[in-house]
Amino acid sequence: MSKPPTRADVLEAIRETVADGPGEYRLPDFLASIDWSASVRPTPEVAAMLGRLELWDCEYREGDMDWAEFQTKLGSLGESVVV
């Protein structure tokens, strides 16, 4: 990602994650695409959202939370994205 992610970018990644389900899990690709070394950083709100996403992604992938709990947490980041 050449520009810092916006809130809309994060919400779109969440929508896609929820819509695709656990069989097409691509959130790690989105998180890995963020260039934290860039001179222009995400806003504090977006950085906090990304931090929570990274934590929850890790917990989900390590089996510390199931898909339903993961979806609930994703939905808590703002707009109602859990379908």
C-alpha atoms as a PDB file:
ATOM      1  CA  MET A   1       0.000   0.000   0.000  1.00  0.00           C
ATOM      2  CA  SER A   2       1.780   3.161  -1.173  1.00  0.00           C
ATOM      3  CA  LYS A   3      -0.438   5.599   0.715  1.00  0.00           C
ATOM      4  CA  PRO A   4      -1.389   5.322   4.354  1.00  0.00           C
ATOM      5  CA  PRO A   5      -4.604   3.359   4.825  1.00  0.00           C
ATOM      6  CA  THR A   6      -7.749   5.301   5.565  1.00  0.00           C
ATOM      7  CA  ARG A   7     -10.668   4.330   7.787  1.00  0.00           C
ATOM      8  CA  ALA A   8     -12.543   3.414   4.598  1.00  0.00           C
ATOM      9  CA  ASP A   9      -9.700   1.067   3.555  1.00  0.00           C
ATOM     10  CA  VAL A  10      -9.802  -0.674   6.943  1.00  0.00           C
ATOM     11  CA  LEU A  11     -13.590  -1.010   6.882  1.00  0.00           C
ATOM     12  CA  GLU A  12     -13.451  -2.415   3.343  1.00  0.00           C
ATOM     13  CA  ALA A  13     -10.887  -5.015   4.459  1.00  0.00           C
ATOM     14  CA  ILE A  14     -13.204  -5.942   7.339  1.00  0.00           C
ATOM     15  CA  ARG A  15     -16.229  -6.190   5.020  1.00  0.00           C
ATOM     16  CA  GLU A  16     -14.301  -8.442   2.648  1.00  0.00           C
ATOM     17  CA  THR A  17     -13.066 -10.610   5.515  1.00  0.00           C
ATOM     18  CA  VAL A  18     -16.569 -11.104   6.887  1.00  0.00           C
ATOM     19  CA  ALA A  19     -18.119 -11.657   3.447  1.00  0.00           C
ATOM     20  CA  ASP A  20     -15.445 -14.135   2.333  1.00  0.00           C
ATOM     21  CA  GLY A  21     -15.594 -16.131   5.566  1.00  0.00           C
ATOM     22  CA  PRO A  22     -12.865 -18.251   7.094  1.00  0.00           C
ATOM     23  CA  GLY A  23     -12.310 -20.248   3.899  1.00  0.00           C
ATOM     24  CA  GLU A  24     -10.982 -17.193   2.020  1.00  0.00           C
ATOM     25  CA  TYR A  25      -9.165 -15.485   4.866  1.00  0.00           C
ATOM     26  CA  ARG A  26      -7.075 -12.627   3.409  1.00  0.00           C
ATOM     27  CA  LEU A  27      -6.840 -10.125   6.287  1.00  0.00           C
ATOM     28  CA  PRO A  28      -3.138 -10.965   6.862  1.00  0.00           C
ATOM     29  CA  ASP A  29      -2.408  -9.867   3.275  1.00  0.00           C
ATOM     30  CA  PHE A  30      -4.066  -6.496   3.902  1.00  0.00           C
ATOM     31  CA  LEU A  31      -2.178  -6.013   7.168  1.00  0.00           C
ATOM     32  CA  ALA A  32       1.131  -6.994   5.551  1.00  0.00           C
ATOM     33  CA  SER A  33       0.595  -4.451   2.759  1.00  0.00           C
ATOM     34  CA  ILE A  34       0.824  -1.497   5.146  1.00  0.00           C
ATOM     35  CA  ASP A  35       4.116   0.380   4.973  1.00  0.00           C
ATOM     36  CA  TRP A  36       4.777   1.609   8.511  1.00  0.00           C
ATOM     37  CA  SER A  37       8.139   3.097   7.463  1.00  0.00           C
ATOM     38  CA  ALA A  38       6.520   5.709   5.195  1.00  0.00           C
ATOM     39  CA  SER A  39       6.857   9.328   6.176  1.00  0.00           C
ATOM     40  CA  VAL A  40       3.095   9.793   6.016  1.00  0.00           C
ATOM     41  CA  ARG A  41       1.464   7.638   8.673  1.00  0.00           C
ATOM     42  CA  PRO A  42      -2.173   6.647   9.177  1.00  0.00           C
ATOM     43  CA  THR A  43      -4.206   8.916  11.413  1.00  0.00           C
ATOM     44  CA  PRO A  44      -4.212   7.942  15.109  1.00  0.00           C
ATOM     45  CA  GLU A  45      -7.757   6.548  14.731  1.00  0.00           C
ATOM     46  CA  VAL A  46      -6.741   4.324  11.814  1.00  0.00           C
ATOM     47  CA  ALA A  47      -3.509   3.269  13.537  1.00  0.00           C
ATOM     48  CA  ALA A  48      -5.538   2.179  16.579  1.00  0.00           C
ATOM     49  CA  MET A  49      -7.945   0.225  14.340  1.00  0.00           C
ATOM     50  CA  LEU A  50      -5.007  -1.492  12.634  1.00  0.00           C
ATOM     51  CA  GLY A  51      -3.476  -2.352  16.000  1.00  0.00           C
ATOM     52  CA  ARG A  52      -6.681  -4.034  17.135  1.00  0.00           C
ATOM     53  CA  LEU A  53      -6.991  -5.848  13.800  1.00  0.00           C
ATOM     54  CA  GLU A  54      -3.447  -7.173  14.098  1.00  0.00           C
ATOM     55  CA  LEU A  55      -4.090  -8.406  17.644  1.00  0.00           C
ATOM     56  CA  TRP A  56      -7.393 -10.092  16.731  1.00  0.00           C
ATOM     57  CA  ASP A  57      -5.903 -11.566  13.548  1.00  0.00           C
ATOM     58  CA  CYS A  58      -3.132 -13.142  15.612  1.00  0.00           C
ATOM     59  CA  GLU A  59      -5.576 -14.481  18.208  1.00  0.00           C
ATOM     60  CA  TYR A  60      -7.827 -15.920  15.495  1.00  0.00           C
ATOM     61  CA  ARG A  61      -5.009 -17.558  13.539  1.00  0.00           C
ATOM     62  CA  GLU A  62      -3.513 -19.040  16.712  1.00  0.00           C
ATOM     63  CA  GLY A  63      -6.877 -20.554  17.649  1.00  0.00           C
ATOM     64  CA  ASP A  64      -7.466 -18.348  20.694  1.00  0.00           C
ATOM     65  CA  MET A  65     -10.804 -17.158  19.269  1.00  0.00           C
ATOM     66  CA  ASP A  66     -13.324 -18.752  16.941  1.00  0.00           C
ATOM     67  CA  TRP A  67     -14.772 -17.243  13.756  1.00  0.00           C
ATOM     68  CA  ALA A  68     -17.980 -16.012  15.447  1.00  0.00           C
ATOM     69  CA  GLU A  69     -16.047 -14.151  18.158  1.00  0.00           C
ATOM     70  CA  PHE A  70     -13.677 -12.764  15.529  1.00  0.00           C
ATOM     71  CA  GLN A  71     -16.629 -11.447  13.474  1.00  0.00           C
ATOM     72  CA  THR A  72     -18.094  -9.800  16.573  1.00  0.00           C
ATOM     73  CA  LYS A  73     -14.821  -8.034  17.293  1.00  0.00           C
ATOM     74  CA  LEU A  74     -14.515  -6.896  13.677  1.00  0.00           C
ATOM     75  CA  GLY A  75     -18.026  -5.481  13.850  1.00  0.00           C
ATOM     76  CA  SER A  76     -17.081  -3.462  16.907  1.00  0.00           C
ATOM     77  CA  LEU A  77     -14.702  -1.276  14.899  1.00  0.00           C
ATOM     78  CA  GLY A  78     -17.421   1.012  13.681  1.00  0.00           C
ATOM     79  CA  GLU A  79     -19.954   0.378  10.989  1.00  0.00           C
ATOM     80  CA  SER A  80     -22.061  -2.722  11.171  1.00  0.00           C
ATOM     81  CA  VAL A  81     -20.116  -5.062   8.902  1.00  0.00           C
ATOM     82  CA  VAL A  82     -21.057  -8.410  10.386  1.00  0.00           C
ATOM     83  CA  VAL A  83     -23.487 -10.135   8.041  1.00  0.00           C
END
